[in-house]
Amino acid sequence: MQNPAWQAFVDKLLQLKTKEQLNEFLNVLLTLSEIDELSKRHAIICALLRNDKTQREIARDLKVSIANVSRGANELKTCSDQVKEMFL
């Protein structure tokens, strides 16, 4: 995503110096359900990269839909190894 608002958001994240600052910033910006959703998406990608469970097992363990896990798997097919390493 290359729109100016997204780039401003990414730039702001890079300006934050501590974990506490980042946590406070995101808590103001995101609802509890959005935080939960992002956490689950991160967990899905990490689980897929570990490659020790099936997509159905990941969906069951994380209590997410198989469609969400499949979407994550499809995204991983198109990203570089360098990007994948960011999640490990």
N, C-alpha and C. Protein backbone atom coordinates (compact mmCIF):
# COMPACT_ATOMS: atom_id res chain seq x y z
N MET A 1 0.85 -1.17 0.00
CA MET A 1 0.00 0.00 0.00
C MET A 1 0.90 1.24 0.00
N GLN A 2 0.72 2.10 -0.95
CA GLN A 2 1.62 3.24 -1.12
C GLN A 2 0.92 4.59 -1.02
N ASN A 3 -0.23 4.66 -0.35
CA ASN A 3 -0.90 5.96 -0.29
C ASN A 3 -0.24 6.85 0.77
N PRO A 4 -0.37 8.16 0.64
CA PRO A 4 0.31 9.09 1.54
C PRO A 4 -0.08 8.92 3.02
N ALA A 5 -1.33 8.63 3.29
CA ALA A 5 -1.76 8.46 4.69
C ALA A 5 -1.08 7.24 5.31
N TRP A 6 -0.96 6.17 4.54
CA TRP A 6 -0.28 4.97 5.05
C TRP A 6 1.20 5.27 5.30
N GLN A 7 1.84 5.98 4.37
CA GLN A 7 3.24 6.32 4.54
C GLN A 7 3.46 7.21 5.76
N ALA A 8 2.54 8.14 6.01
CA ALA A 8 2.64 9.00 7.20
C ALA A 8 2.51 8.15 8.47
N PHE A 9 1.63 7.18 8.44
CA PHE A 9 1.45 6.28 9.57
C PHE A 9 2.73 5.47 9.84
N VAL A 10 3.30 4.90 8.78
CA VAL A 10 4.54 4.13 8.91
C VAL A 10 5.67 5.03 9.43
N ASP A 11 5.75 6.24 8.91
CA ASP A 11 6.77 7.19 9.38
C ASP A 11 6.60 7.48 10.87
N LYS A 12 5.37 7.65 11.31
CA LYS A 12 5.10 7.91 12.73
C LYS A 12 5.54 6.73 13.59
N LEU A 13 5.23 5.52 13.14
CA LEU A 13 5.65 4.33 13.89
C LEU A 13 7.17 4.29 14.04
N LEU A 14 7.88 4.66 12.98
CA LEU A 14 9.34 4.64 13.03
C LEU A 14 9.91 5.69 13.98
N GLN A 15 9.14 6.73 14.27
CA GLN A 15 9.60 7.78 15.18
C GLN A 15 9.49 7.38 16.66
N LEU A 16 8.65 6.40 16.94
CA LEU A 16 8.45 5.97 18.32
C LEU A 16 9.69 5.23 18.80
N LYS A 17 10.13 5.55 20.01
CA LYS A 17 11.43 5.07 20.48
C LYS A 17 11.37 3.87 21.39
N THR A 18 10.24 3.65 22.06
CA THR A 18 10.18 2.56 23.02
C THR A 18 8.96 1.68 22.77
N LYS A 19 9.02 0.51 23.33
CA LYS A 19 7.90 -0.42 23.25
C LYS A 19 6.67 0.20 23.91
N GLU A 20 6.87 0.90 25.00
CA GLU A 20 5.76 1.54 25.71
C GLU A 20 5.10 2.62 24.86
N GLN A 21 5.91 3.43 24.17
CA GLN A 21 5.36 4.45 23.27
C GLN A 21 4.54 3.81 22.16
N LEU A 22 5.07 2.76 21.57
CA LEU A 22 4.36 2.08 20.49
C LEU A 22 3.05 1.49 21.00
N ASN A 23 3.09 0.86 22.15
CA ASN A 23 1.90 0.27 22.73
C ASN A 23 0.83 1.34 23.01
N GLU A 24 1.22 2.45 23.61
CA GLU A 24 0.28 3.53 23.89
C GLU A 24 -0.30 4.11 22.60
N PHE A 25 0.54 4.33 21.63
CA PHE A 25 0.11 4.89 20.34
C PHE A 25 -0.93 3.99 19.69
N LEU A 26 -0.64 2.69 19.64
CA LEU A 26 -1.57 1.76 19.00
C LEU A 26 -2.85 1.58 19.81
N ASN A 27 -2.76 1.66 21.13
CA ASN A 27 -3.96 1.57 21.96
C ASN A 27 -4.91 2.74 21.74
N VAL A 28 -4.37 3.91 21.44
CA VAL A 28 -5.22 5.06 21.12
C VAL A 28 -5.82 4.90 19.74
N LEU A 29 -5.05 4.39 18.83
CA LEU A 29 -5.46 4.32 17.43
C LEU A 29 -6.43 3.17 17.13
N LEU A 30 -6.24 2.04 17.79
CA LEU A 30 -6.99 0.84 17.46
C LEU A 30 -8.01 0.47 18.54
N THR A 31 -9.11 -0.14 18.12
CA THR A 31 -10.08 -0.67 19.08
C THR A 31 -9.54 -2.00 19.61
N LEU A 32 -10.15 -2.50 20.68
CA LEU A 32 -9.74 -3.80 21.22
C LEU A 32 -9.93 -4.91 20.19
N SER A 33 -11.00 -4.84 19.41
CA SER A 33 -11.21 -5.89 18.40
C SER A 33 -10.19 -5.79 17.27
N GLU A 34 -9.76 -4.59 16.91
CA GLU A 34 -8.72 -4.43 15.89
C GLU A 34 -7.38 -4.96 16.39
N ILE A 35 -7.08 -4.70 17.65
CA ILE A 35 -5.86 -5.23 18.26
C ILE A 35 -5.90 -6.75 18.25
N ASP A 36 -7.05 -7.31 18.62
CA ASP A 36 -7.21 -8.77 18.62
C ASP A 36 -7.03 -9.33 17.22
N GLU A 37 -7.62 -8.66 16.24
CA GLU A 37 -7.53 -9.12 14.84
C GLU A 37 -6.09 -9.09 14.34
N LEU A 38 -5.37 -8.01 14.61
CA LEU A 38 -3.96 -7.92 14.18
C LEU A 38 -3.11 -8.97 14.89
N SER A 39 -3.38 -9.20 16.17
CA SER A 39 -2.64 -10.22 16.92
C SER A 39 -2.86 -11.59 16.31
N LYS A 40 -4.09 -11.87 15.94
CA LYS A 40 -4.40 -13.17 15.32
C LYS A 40 -3.74 -13.29 13.95
N ARG A 41 -3.75 -12.23 13.18
CA ARG A 41 -3.10 -12.28 11.86
C ARG A 41 -1.62 -12.56 12.00
N HIS A 42 -0.99 -11.92 12.97
CA HIS A 42 0.42 -12.15 13.23
C HIS A 42 0.65 -13.60 13.64
N ALA A 43 -0.19 -14.12 14.52
CA ALA A 43 -0.06 -15.50 14.98
C ALA A 43 -0.26 -16.49 13.82
N ILE A 44 -1.18 -16.19 12.93
CA ILE A 44 -1.42 -17.05 11.76
C ILE A 44 -0.16 -17.12 10.90
N ILE A 45 0.41 -15.97 10.58
CA ILE A 45 1.61 -15.94 9.73
C ILE A 45 2.75 -16.69 10.40
N CYS A 46 2.95 -16.46 11.68
CA CYS A 46 4.03 -17.15 12.41
C CYS A 46 3.81 -18.66 12.40
N ALA A 47 2.58 -19.09 12.64
CA ALA A 47 2.27 -20.52 12.64
C ALA A 47 2.49 -21.13 11.26
N LEU A 48 2.08 -20.43 10.22
CA LEU A 48 2.30 -20.93 8.87
C LEU A 48 3.79 -21.07 8.55
N LEU A 49 4.57 -20.10 8.99
CA LEU A 49 6.01 -20.15 8.72
C LEU A 49 6.71 -21.26 9.49
N ARG A 50 6.21 -21.59 10.68
CA ARG A 50 6.79 -22.72 11.44
C ARG A 50 6.55 -24.03 10.72
N ASN A 51 5.46 -24.09 9.96
CA ASN A 51 5.17 -25.23 9.10
C ASN A 51 5.09 -26.56 9.87
N ASP A 52 4.57 -26.52 11.11
CA ASP A 52 4.46 -27.75 11.88
C ASP A 52 3.00 -28.17 12.12
N LYS A 53 2.06 -27.43 11.54
CA LYS A 53 0.65 -27.76 11.67
C LYS A 53 -0.03 -27.53 10.33
N THR A 54 -1.14 -28.22 10.14
CA THR A 54 -1.94 -27.97 8.94
C THR A 54 -2.69 -26.65 9.11
N GLN A 55 -3.21 -26.14 8.00
CA GLN A 55 -4.00 -24.92 8.07
C GLN A 55 -5.23 -25.11 8.95
N ARG A 56 -5.84 -26.27 8.89
CA ARG A 56 -7.02 -26.54 9.74
C ARG A 56 -6.65 -26.56 11.21
N GLU A 57 -5.50 -27.12 11.54
CA GLU A 57 -5.04 -27.14 12.94
C GLU A 57 -4.77 -25.72 13.43
N ILE A 58 -4.15 -24.91 12.59
CA ILE A 58 -3.88 -23.52 12.95
C ILE A 58 -5.19 -22.78 13.21
N ALA A 59 -6.16 -22.96 12.31
CA ALA A 59 -7.46 -22.31 12.46
C ALA A 59 -8.11 -22.73 13.78
N ARG A 60 -8.08 -24.02 14.05
CA ARG A 60 -8.68 -24.53 15.28
C ARG A 60 -7.96 -23.98 16.52
N ASP A 61 -6.64 -24.06 16.53
CA ASP A 61 -5.87 -23.63 17.70
C ASP A 61 -6.00 -22.14 17.98
N LEU A 62 -6.06 -21.34 16.92
CA LEU A 62 -6.15 -19.88 17.09
C LEU A 62 -7.59 -19.37 17.13
N LYS A 63 -8.53 -20.30 16.91
CA LYS A 63 -9.96 -19.94 16.90
C LYS A 63 -10.26 -18.86 15.85
N VAL A 64 -9.75 -19.14 14.64
CA VAL A 64 -10.00 -18.27 13.49
C VAL A 64 -10.57 -19.13 12.37
N SER A 65 -11.10 -18.48 11.35
CA SER A 65 -11.66 -19.23 10.23
C SER A 65 -10.54 -19.77 9.35
N ILE A 66 -10.84 -20.85 8.68
CA ILE A 66 -9.89 -21.42 7.73
C ILE A 66 -9.61 -20.42 6.60
N ALA A 67 -10.59 -19.59 6.28
CA ALA A 67 -10.40 -18.58 5.24
C ALA A 67 -9.31 -17.59 5.64
N ASN A 68 -9.26 -17.21 6.91
CA ASN A 68 -8.21 -16.30 7.36
C ASN A 68 -6.84 -16.95 7.26
N VAL A 69 -6.75 -18.21 7.59
CA VAL A 69 -5.48 -18.92 7.50
C VAL A 69 -5.08 -19.07 6.03
N SER A 70 -6.03 -19.40 5.18
CA SER A 70 -5.75 -19.54 3.74
C SER A 70 -5.29 -18.22 3.14
N ARG A 71 -5.90 -17.13 3.58
CA ARG A 71 -5.49 -15.82 3.09
C ARG A 71 -4.03 -15.55 3.46
N GLY A 72 -3.68 -15.87 4.71
CA GLY A 72 -2.29 -15.70 5.14
C GLY A 72 -1.34 -16.55 4.33
N ALA A 73 -1.74 -17.80 4.07
CA ALA A 73 -0.90 -18.70 3.27
C ALA A 73 -0.71 -18.16 1.86
N ASN A 74 -1.77 -17.62 1.29
CA ASN A 74 -1.66 -17.06 -0.06
C ASN A 74 -0.76 -15.84 -0.09
N GLU A 75 -0.82 -15.00 0.94
CA GLU A 75 0.06 -13.83 1.00
C GLU A 75 1.51 -14.26 1.11
N LEU A 76 1.77 -15.31 1.87
CA LEU A 76 3.15 -15.79 2.03
C LEU A 76 3.73 -16.32 0.72
N LYS A 77 2.88 -16.80 -0.16
CA LYS A 77 3.36 -17.30 -1.45
C LYS A 77 3.99 -16.21 -2.30
N THR A 78 3.57 -14.95 -2.07
CA THR A 78 4.03 -13.86 -2.92
C THR A 78 5.11 -12.99 -2.28
N CYS A 79 5.46 -13.26 -1.03
CA CYS A 79 6.45 -12.39 -0.40
C CYS A 79 7.83 -13.04 -0.38
N SER A 80 8.82 -12.22 -0.24
CA SER A 80 10.20 -12.68 -0.29
C SER A 80 10.59 -13.38 1.01
N ASP A 81 11.68 -14.12 0.96
CA ASP A 81 12.21 -14.75 2.17
C ASP A 81 12.59 -13.70 3.20
N GLN A 82 13.05 -12.54 2.74
CA GLN A 82 13.43 -11.46 3.64
C GLN A 82 12.21 -10.99 4.45
N VAL A 83 11.07 -10.87 3.80
CA VAL A 83 9.86 -10.48 4.50
C VAL A 83 9.43 -11.57 5.48
N LYS A 84 9.51 -12.82 5.04
CA LYS A 84 9.14 -13.93 5.92
C LYS A 84 9.99 -13.94 7.18
N GLU A 85 11.27 -13.63 7.05
CA GLU A 85 12.18 -13.61 8.19
C GLU A 85 11.77 -12.57 9.23
N MET A 86 11.08 -11.52 8.81
CA MET A 86 10.62 -10.50 9.75
C MET A 86 9.66 -11.06 10.78
N PHE A 87 8.98 -12.15 10.43
CA PHE A 87 7.98 -12.73 11.31
C PHE A 87 8.55 -13.81 12.22
N LEU A 88 9.78 -14.20 11.99
CA LEU A 88 10.38 -15.27 12.79
C LEU A 88 11.20 -14.74 13.94
